[in-house]
Amino acid sequence: MRPRGLCPKCLEIAVLTKHHCFPKRFFPNQPKPVCLWICRTCHDELERLIPYRRKMPRNFYLDVAKHFLGRANDESLGYRV
């Protein structure tokens, strides 16, 4: 069962999905993956911002997630911009 809660992007109560900040296709063996719980609509929107076939530096993925959430100067994802 997937959790329901407040999506940090759209601020709607919804079923939340796990977004891996470092895509599993490029970083398959992460011992402690950095994840966001967001609704399916916002998850799809965020995924469209990430290049699918080209691996980027790790900080790129965190920057995309932070800008998407409107928290470019926030350290909540464990990374300082």
PDB file of N, CA and C in Angstrom:
ATOM      1  N   MET A   1       0.841  -1.179   0.000  1.00  0.00           N
ATOM      2  CA  MET A   1       0.000   0.000   0.000  1.00  0.00           C
ATOM      3  C   MET A   1       0.887   1.243   0.000  1.00  0.00           C
ATOM      4  N   ARG A   2       0.593   2.151  -0.897  1.00  0.00           N
ATOM      5  CA  ARG A   2       1.375   3.386  -0.974  1.00  0.00           C
ATOM      6  C   ARG A   2       0.801   4.426  -0.022  1.00  0.00           C
ATOM      7  N   PRO A   3       1.684   5.246   0.532  1.00  0.00           N
ATOM      8  CA  PRO A   3       1.214   6.231   1.522  1.00  0.00           C
ATOM      9  C   PRO A   3       0.450   7.389   0.889  1.00  0.00           C
ATOM     10  N   ARG A   4      -0.474   7.925   1.648  1.00  0.00           N
ATOM     11  CA  ARG A   4      -1.169   9.168   1.285  1.00  0.00           C
ATOM     12  C   ARG A   4      -0.559  10.266   2.124  1.00  0.00           C
ATOM     13  N   GLY A   5      -0.494  11.436   1.549  1.00  0.00           N
ATOM     14  CA  GLY A   5       0.032  12.554   2.305  1.00  0.00           C
ATOM     15  C   GLY A   5       0.021  13.817   1.479  1.00  0.00           C
ATOM     16  N   LEU A   6       0.672  14.823   1.992  1.00  0.00           N
ATOM     17  CA  LEU A   6       0.746  16.125   1.350  1.00  0.00           C
ATOM     18  C   LEU A   6       1.914  16.145   0.377  1.00  0.00           C
ATOM     19  N   CYS A   7       1.641  16.386  -0.888  1.00  0.00           N
ATOM     20  CA  CYS A   7       2.698  16.506  -1.894  1.00  0.00           C
ATOM     21  C   CYS A   7       3.417  17.838  -1.661  1.00  0.00           C
ATOM     22  N   PRO A   8       4.742  17.811  -1.528  1.00  0.00           N
ATOM     23  CA  PRO A   8       5.469  19.056  -1.252  1.00  0.00           C
ATOM     24  C   PRO A   8       5.508  20.033  -2.428  1.00  0.00           C
ATOM     25  N   LYS A   9       5.121  19.599  -3.623  1.00  0.00           N
ATOM     26  CA  LYS A   9       5.120  20.495  -4.787  1.00  0.00           C
ATOM     27  C   LYS A   9       3.754  21.171  -4.963  1.00  0.00           C
ATOM     28  N   CYS A  10       2.709  20.365  -5.131  1.00  0.00           N
ATOM     29  CA  CYS A  10       1.390  20.940  -5.435  1.00  0.00           C
ATOM     30  C   CYS A  10       0.549  21.184  -4.176  1.00  0.00           C
ATOM     31  N   LEU A  11       1.014  20.672  -3.038  1.00  0.00           N
ATOM     32  CA  LEU A  11       0.349  20.849  -1.746  1.00  0.00           C
ATOM     33  C   LEU A  11      -1.047  20.226  -1.706  1.00  0.00           C
ATOM     34  N   GLU A  12      -1.235  19.164  -2.498  1.00  0.00           N
ATOM     35  CA  GLU A  12      -2.486  18.406  -2.483  1.00  0.00           C
ATOM     36  C   GLU A  12      -2.294  17.143  -1.652  1.00  0.00           C
ATOM     37  N   ILE A  13      -3.360  16.703  -0.994  1.00  0.00           N
ATOM     38  CA  ILE A  13      -3.352  15.410  -0.319  1.00  0.00           C
ATOM     39  C   ILE A  13      -3.597  14.364  -1.399  1.00  0.00           C
ATOM     40  N   ALA A  14      -2.679  13.392  -1.518  1.00  0.00           N
ATOM     41  CA  ALA A  14      -2.777  12.401  -2.581  1.00  0.00           C
ATOM     42  C   ALA A  14      -1.983  11.158  -2.208  1.00  0.00           C
ATOM     43  N   VAL A  15      -2.142  10.115  -3.016  1.00  0.00           N
ATOM     44  CA  VAL A  15      -1.267   8.955  -2.896  1.00  0.00           C
ATOM     45  C   VAL A  15       0.101   9.412  -3.377  1.00  0.00           C
ATOM     46  N   LEU A  16       1.131   9.132  -2.589  1.00  0.00           N
ATOM     47  CA  LEU A  16       2.473   9.603  -2.920  1.00  0.00           C
ATOM     48  C   LEU A  16       3.309   8.496  -3.546  1.00  0.00           C
ATOM     49  N   THR A  17       4.186   8.880  -4.454  1.00  0.00           N
ATOM     50  CA  THR A  17       5.105   7.950  -5.095  1.00  0.00           C
ATOM     51  C   THR A  17       6.524   8.363  -4.742  1.00  0.00           C
ATOM     52  N   LYS A  18       7.419   7.391  -4.767  1.00  0.00           N
ATOM     53  CA  LYS A  18       8.813   7.633  -4.411  1.00  0.00           C
ATOM     54  C   LYS A  18       9.594   8.038  -5.659  1.00  0.00           C
ATOM     55  N   HIS A  19      10.204   9.209  -5.615  1.00  0.00           N
ATOM     56  CA  HIS A  19      11.083   9.669  -6.688  1.00  0.00           C
ATOM     57  C   HIS A  19      12.520   9.538  -6.191  1.00  0.00           C
ATOM     58  N   HIS A  20      13.319   8.733  -6.885  1.00  0.00           N
ATOM     59  CA  HIS A  20      14.733   8.604  -6.545  1.00  0.00           C
ATOM     60  C   HIS A  20      15.482   9.790  -7.149  1.00  0.00           C
ATOM     61  N   CYS A  21      16.069  10.620  -6.322  1.00  0.00           N
ATOM     62  CA  CYS A  21      16.775  11.808  -6.810  1.00  0.00           C
ATOM     63  C   CYS A  21      17.923  11.432  -7.746  1.00  0.00           C
ATOM     64  N   PHE A  22      18.585  10.322  -7.436  1.00  0.00           N
ATOM     65  CA  PHE A  22      19.624   9.810  -8.339  1.00  0.00           C
ATOM     66  C   PHE A  22      19.001   8.634  -9.072  1.00  0.00           C
ATOM     67  N   PRO A  23      18.703   8.794 -10.369  1.00  0.00           N
ATOM     68  CA  PRO A  23      17.977   7.751 -11.103  1.00  0.00           C
ATOM     69  C   PRO A  23      18.610   6.368 -10.961  1.00  0.00           C
ATOM     70  N   LYS A  24      17.756   5.376 -10.688  1.00  0.00           N
ATOM     71  CA  LYS A  24      18.245   4.013 -10.511  1.00  0.00           C
ATOM     72  C   LYS A  24      18.905   3.474 -11.778  1.00  0.00           C
ATOM     73  N   ARG A  25      18.524   3.985 -12.939  1.00  0.00           N
ATOM     74  CA  ARG A  25      19.143   3.508 -14.187  1.00  0.00           C
ATOM     75  C   ARG A  25      20.613   3.910 -14.276  1.00  0.00           C
ATOM     76  N   PHE A  26      21.015   4.981 -13.597  1.00  0.00           N
ATOM     77  CA  PHE A  26      22.409   5.427 -13.605  1.00  0.00           C
ATOM     78  C   PHE A  26      23.143   5.100 -12.307  1.00  0.00           C
ATOM     79  N   PHE A  27      22.405   4.987 -11.222  1.00  0.00           N
ATOM     80  CA  PHE A  27      22.991   4.729  -9.897  1.00  0.00           C
ATOM     81  C   PHE A  27      22.243   3.543  -9.270  1.00  0.00           C
ATOM     82  N   PRO A  28      22.461   2.321  -9.794  1.00  0.00           N
ATOM     83  CA  PRO A  28      21.636   1.183  -9.386  1.00  0.00           C
ATOM     84  C   PRO A  28      21.887   0.658  -7.973  1.00  0.00           C
ATOM     85  N   ASN A  29      23.066   0.824  -7.431  1.00  0.00           N
ATOM     86  CA  ASN A  29      23.394   0.210  -6.144  1.00  0.00           C
ATOM     87  C   ASN A  29      23.601   1.247  -5.047  1.00  0.00           C
ATOM     88  N   GLN A  30      22.602   2.048  -4.802  1.00  0.00           N
ATOM     89  CA  GLN A  30      22.694   3.076  -3.776  1.00  0.00           C
ATOM     90  C   GLN A  30      22.345   2.469  -2.417  1.00  0.00           C
ATOM     91  N   PRO A  31      23.275   2.485  -1.470  1.00  0.00           N
ATOM     92  CA  PRO A  31      22.962   1.904  -0.170  1.00  0.00           C
ATOM     93  C   PRO A  31      21.880   2.690   0.585  1.00  0.00           C
ATOM     94  N   LYS A  32      21.878   4.003   0.466  1.00  0.00           N
ATOM     95  CA  LYS A  32      20.858   4.850   1.104  1.00  0.00           C
ATOM     96  C   LYS A  32      20.364   5.850   0.064  1.00  0.00           C
ATOM     97  N   PRO A  33      19.398   5.445  -0.767  1.00  0.00           N
ATOM     98  CA  PRO A  33      18.938   6.349  -1.824  1.00  0.00           C
ATOM     99  C   PRO A  33      18.282   7.612  -1.257  1.00  0.00           C
ATOM    100  N   VAL A  34      18.520   8.716  -1.924  1.00  0.00           N
ATOM    101  CA  VAL A  34      17.882   9.992  -1.581  1.00  0.00           C
ATOM    102  C   VAL A  34      16.574  10.038  -2.366  1.00  0.00           C
ATOM    103  N   CYS A  35      15.453  10.114  -1.659  1.00  0.00           N
ATOM    104  CA  CYS A  35      14.149  10.043  -2.314  1.00  0.00           C
ATOM    105  C   CYS A  35      13.236  11.185  -1.870  1.00  0.00           C
ATOM    106  N   LEU A  36      12.297  11.497  -2.744  1.00  0.00           N
ATOM    107  CA  LEU A  36      11.215  12.435  -2.441  1.00  0.00           C
ATOM    108  C   LEU A  36       9.906  11.670  -2.562  1.00  0.00           C
ATOM    109  N   TRP A  37       8.974  11.953  -1.702  1.00  0.00           N
ATOM    110  CA  TRP A  37       7.634  11.398  -1.829  1.00  0.00           C
ATOM    111  C   TRP A  37       6.744  12.504  -2.377  1.00  0.00           C
ATOM    112  N   ILE A  38       6.286  12.312  -3.614  1.00  0.00           N
ATOM    113  CA  ILE A  38       5.453  13.305  -4.296  1.00  0.00           C
ATOM    114  C   ILE A  38       4.311  12.587  -5.022  1.00  0.00           C
ATOM    115  N   CYS A  39       3.275  13.334  -5.380  1.00  0.00           N
ATOM    116  CA  CYS A  39       2.137  12.725  -6.075  1.00  0.00           C
ATOM    117  C   CYS A  39       2.549  12.319  -7.494  1.00  0.00           C
ATOM    118  N   ARG A  40       1.762  11.455  -8.114  1.00  0.00           N
ATOM    119  CA  ARG A  40       2.071  10.928  -9.442  1.00  0.00           C
ATOM    120  C   ARG A  40       2.170  12.041 -10.483  1.00  0.00           C
ATOM    121  N   THR A  41       1.280  13.014 -10.445  1.00  0.00           N
ATOM    122  CA  THR A  41       1.310  14.102 -11.426  1.00  0.00           C
ATOM    123  C   THR A  41       2.617  14.886 -11.327  1.00  0.00           C
ATOM    124  N   CYS A  42       3.011  15.241 -10.118  1.00  0.00           N
ATOM    125  CA  CYS A  42       4.256  15.989  -9.930  1.00  0.00           C
ATOM    126  C   CYS A  42       5.464  15.105 -10.244  1.00  0.00           C
ATOM    127  N   HIS A  43       5.381  13.810  -9.921  1.00  0.00           N
ATOM    128  CA  HIS A  43       6.472  12.888 -10.228  1.00  0.00           C
ATOM    129  C   HIS A  43       6.716  12.846 -11.738  1.00  0.00           C
ATOM    130  N   ASP A  44       5.641  12.736 -12.508  1.00  0.00           N
ATOM    131  CA  ASP A  44       5.776  12.716 -13.972  1.00  0.00           C
ATOM    132  C   ASP A  44       6.378  14.021 -14.490  1.00  0.00           C
ATOM    133  N   GLU A  45       5.938  15.130 -13.916  1.00  0.00           N
ATOM    134  CA  GLU A  45       6.463  16.441 -14.317  1.00  0.00           C
ATOM    135  C   GLU A  45       7.963  16.545 -14.004  1.00  0.00           C
ATOM    136  N   LEU A  46       8.368  16.094 -12.832  1.00  0.00           N
ATOM    137  CA  LEU A  46       9.774  16.123 -12.447  1.00  0.00           C
ATOM    138  C   LEU A  46      10.614  15.211 -13.345  1.00  0.00           C
ATOM    139  N   GLU A  47      10.104  14.038 -13.662  1.00  0.00           N
ATOM    140  CA  GLU A  47      10.842  13.109 -14.526  1.00  0.00           C
ATOM    141  C   GLU A  47      11.117  13.702 -15.907  1.00  0.00           C
ATOM    142  N   ARG A  48      10.206  14.526 -16.409  1.00  0.00           N
ATOM    143  CA  ARG A  48      10.413  15.152 -17.724  1.00  0.00           C
ATOM    144  C   ARG A  48      11.583  16.140 -17.733  1.00  0.00           C
ATOM    145  N   LEU A  49      12.012  16.582 -16.565  1.00  0.00           N
ATOM    146  CA  LEU A  49      13.129  17.529 -16.462  1.00  0.00           C
ATOM    147  C   LEU A  49      14.494  16.834 -16.446  1.00  0.00           C
ATOM    148  N   ILE A  50      14.492  15.514 -16.342  1.00  0.00           N
ATOM    149  CA  ILE A  50      15.734  14.756 -16.195  1.00  0.00           C
ATOM    150  C   ILE A  50      16.068  14.046 -17.502  1.00  0.00           C
ATOM    151  N   PRO A  51      17.281  14.254 -18.031  1.00  0.00           N
ATOM    152  CA  PRO A  51      17.670  13.542 -19.261  1.00  0.00           C
ATOM    153  C   PRO A  51      17.588  12.032 -19.045  1.00  0.00           C
ATOM    154  N   TYR A  52      16.950  11.327 -19.982  1.00  0.00           N
ATOM    155  CA  TYR A  52      16.723   9.905 -19.803  1.00  0.00           C
ATOM    156  C   TYR A  52      17.944   9.058 -20.164  1.00  0.00           C
ATOM    157  N   ARG A  53      18.633   9.392 -21.213  1.00  0.00           N
ATOM    158  CA  ARG A  53      19.711   8.537 -21.711  1.00  0.00           C
ATOM    159  C   ARG A  53      21.117   9.006 -21.363  1.00  0.00           C
ATOM    160  N   ARG A  54      21.231  10.154 -20.770  1.00  0.00           N
ATOM    161  CA  ARG A  54      22.556  10.715 -20.514  1.00  0.00           C
ATOM    162  C   ARG A  54      22.774  10.912 -19.022  1.00  0.00           C
ATOM    163  N   LYS A  55      23.792  10.272 -18.477  1.00  0.00           N
ATOM    164  CA  LYS A  55      24.098  10.417 -17.060  1.00  0.00           C
ATOM    165  C   LYS A  55      24.740  11.772 -16.815  1.00  0.00           C
ATOM    166  N   MET A  56      24.256  12.450 -15.793  1.00  0.00           N
ATOM    167  CA  MET A  56      24.748  13.765 -15.429  1.00  0.00           C
ATOM    168  C   MET A  56      25.490  13.651 -14.094  1.00  0.00           C
ATOM    169  N   PRO A  57      26.263  14.696 -13.721  1.00  0.00           N
ATOM    170  CA  PRO A  57      26.907  14.682 -12.394  1.00  0.00           C
ATOM    171  C   PRO A  57      25.844  14.608 -11.291  1.00  0.00           C
ATOM    172  N   ARG A  58      26.194  14.006 -10.167  1.00  0.00           N
ATOM    173  CA  ARG A  58      25.239  13.805  -9.072  1.00  0.00           C
ATOM    174  C   ARG A  58      24.565  15.104  -8.623  1.00  0.00           C
ATOM    175  N   ASN A  59      25.323  16.187  -8.547  1.00  0.00           N
ATOM    176  CA  ASN A  59      24.722  17.437  -8.059  1.00  0.00           C
ATOM    177  C   ASN A  59      23.645  17.963  -9.005  1.00  0.00           C
ATOM    178  N   PHE A  60      23.714  17.614 -10.277  1.00  0.00           N
ATOM    179  CA  PHE A  60      22.685  18.032 -11.243  1.00  0.00           C
ATOM    180  C   PHE A  60      21.303  17.545 -10.792  1.00  0.00           C
ATOM    181  N   TYR A  61      21.217  16.277 -10.403  1.00  0.00           N
ATOM    182  CA  TYR A  61      19.932  15.688 -10.044  1.00  0.00           C
ATOM    183  C   TYR A  61      19.335  16.332  -8.793  1.00  0.00           C
ATOM    184  N   LEU A  62      20.178  16.635  -7.829  1.00  0.00           N
ATOM    185  CA  LEU A  62      19.683  17.312  -6.629  1.00  0.00           C
ATOM    186  C   LEU A  62      19.244  18.734  -6.949  1.00  0.00           C
ATOM    187  N   ASP A  63      19.995  19.407  -7.799  1.00  0.00           N
ATOM    188  CA  ASP A  63      19.617  20.771  -8.189  1.00  0.00           C
ATOM    189  C   ASP A  63      18.270  20.782  -8.907  1.00  0.00           C
ATOM    190  N   VAL A  64      18.040  19.819  -9.795  1.00  0.00           N
ATOM    191  CA  VAL A  64      16.759  19.733 -10.507  1.00  0.00           C
ATOM    192  C   VAL A  64      15.622  19.556  -9.505  1.00  0.00           C
ATOM    193  N   ALA A  65      15.788  18.635  -8.558  1.00  0.00           N
ATOM    194  CA  ALA A  65      14.735  18.390  -7.569  1.00  0.00           C
ATOM    195  C   ALA A  65      14.484  19.628  -6.711  1.00  0.00           C
ATOM    196  N   LYS A  66      15.536  20.283  -6.280  1.00  0.00           N
ATOM    197  CA  LYS A  66      15.378  21.483  -5.448  1.00  0.00           C
ATOM    198  C   LYS A  66      14.690  22.605  -6.211  1.00  0.00           C
ATOM    199  N   HIS A  67      15.100  22.843  -7.441  1.00  0.00           N
ATOM    200  CA  HIS A  67      14.454  23.894  -8.233  1.00  0.00           C
ATOM    201  C   HIS A  67      12.994  23.534  -8.508  1.00  0.00           C
ATOM    202  N   PHE A  68      12.730  22.267  -8.754  1.00  0.00           N
ATOM    203  CA  PHE A  68      11.364  21.815  -8.997  1.00  0.00           C
ATOM    204  C   PHE A  68      10.478  22.104  -7.786  1.00  0.00           C
ATOM    205  N   LEU A  69      11.010  21.858  -6.603  1.00  0.00           N
ATOM    206  CA  LEU A  69      10.245  22.103  -5.386  1.00  0.00           C
ATOM    207  C   LEU A  69      10.261  23.568  -4.962  1.00  0.00           C
ATOM    208  N   GLY A  70      11.059  24.400  -5.634  1.00  0.00           N
ATOM    209  CA  GLY A  70      11.152  25.805  -5.263  1.00  0.00           C
ATOM    210  C   GLY A  70      12.008  26.023  -4.040  1.00  0.00           C
ATOM    211  N   ARG A  71      12.991  25.128  -3.838  1.00  0.00           N
ATOM    212  CA  ARG A  71      13.846  25.196  -2.650  1.00  0.00           C
ATOM    213  C   ARG A  71      15.316  25.219  -3.042  1.00  0.00           C
ATOM    214  N   ALA A  72      15.678  26.064  -3.971  1.00  0.00           N
ATOM    215  CA  ALA A  72      17.050  26.089  -4.479  1.00  0.00           C
ATOM    216  C   ALA A  72      18.079  26.364  -3.394  1.00  0.00           C
ATOM    217  N   ASN A  73      17.710  27.081  -2.355  1.00  0.00           N
ATOM    218  CA  ASN A  73      18.675  27.392  -1.292  1.00  0.00           C
ATOM    219  C   ASN A  73      18.416  26.602  -0.021  1.00  0.00           C
ATOM    220  N   ASP A  74      17.609  25.570  -0.126  1.00  0.00           N
ATOM    221  CA  ASP A  74      17.246  24.746   1.022  1.00  0.00           C
ATOM    222  C   ASP A  74      18.189  23.544   1.102  1.00  0.00           C
ATOM    223  N   GLU A  75      18.566  23.155   2.307  1.00  0.00           N
ATOM    224  CA  GLU A  75      19.455  22.010   2.493  1.00  0.00           C
ATOM    225  C   GLU A  75      18.662  20.742   2.833  1.00  0.00           C
ATOM    226  N   SER A  76      17.357  20.732   2.616  1.00  0.00           N
ATOM    227  CA  SER A  76      16.525  19.608   3.036  1.00  0.00           C
ATOM    228  C   SER A  76      16.827  18.324   2.290  1.00  0.00           C
ATOM    229  N   LEU A  77      17.452  18.395   1.143  1.00  0.00           N
ATOM    230  CA  LEU A  77      17.806  17.170   0.407  1.00  0.00           C
ATOM    231  C   LEU A  77      19.224  16.720   0.730  1.00  0.00           C
ATOM    232  N   GLY A  78      19.826  17.313   1.718  1.00  0.00           N
ATOM    233  CA  GLY A  78      21.153  16.877   2.136  1.00  0.00           C
ATOM    234  C   GLY A  78      22.283  17.372   1.257  1.00  0.00           C
ATOM    235  N   TYR A  79      22.032  18.398   0.495  1.00  0.00           N
ATOM    236  CA  TYR A  79      23.044  18.924  -0.424  1.00  0.00           C
ATOM    237  C   TYR A  79      22.935  20.427  -0.439  1.00  0.00           C
ATOM    238  N   ARG A  80      24.040  21.087  -0.393  1.00  0.00           N
ATOM    239  CA  ARG A  80      24.037  22.563  -0.406  1.00  0.00           C
ATOM    240  C   ARG A  80      24.336  23.057  -1.805  1.00  0.00           C
ATOM    241  N   VAL A  81      23.499  23.958  -2.300  1.00  0.00           N
ATOM    242  CA  VAL A  81      23.706  24.565  -3.626  1.00  0.00           C
ATOM    243  C   VAL A  81      24.769  25.633  -3.506  1.00  0.00           C
TER     244      VAL A  81
END
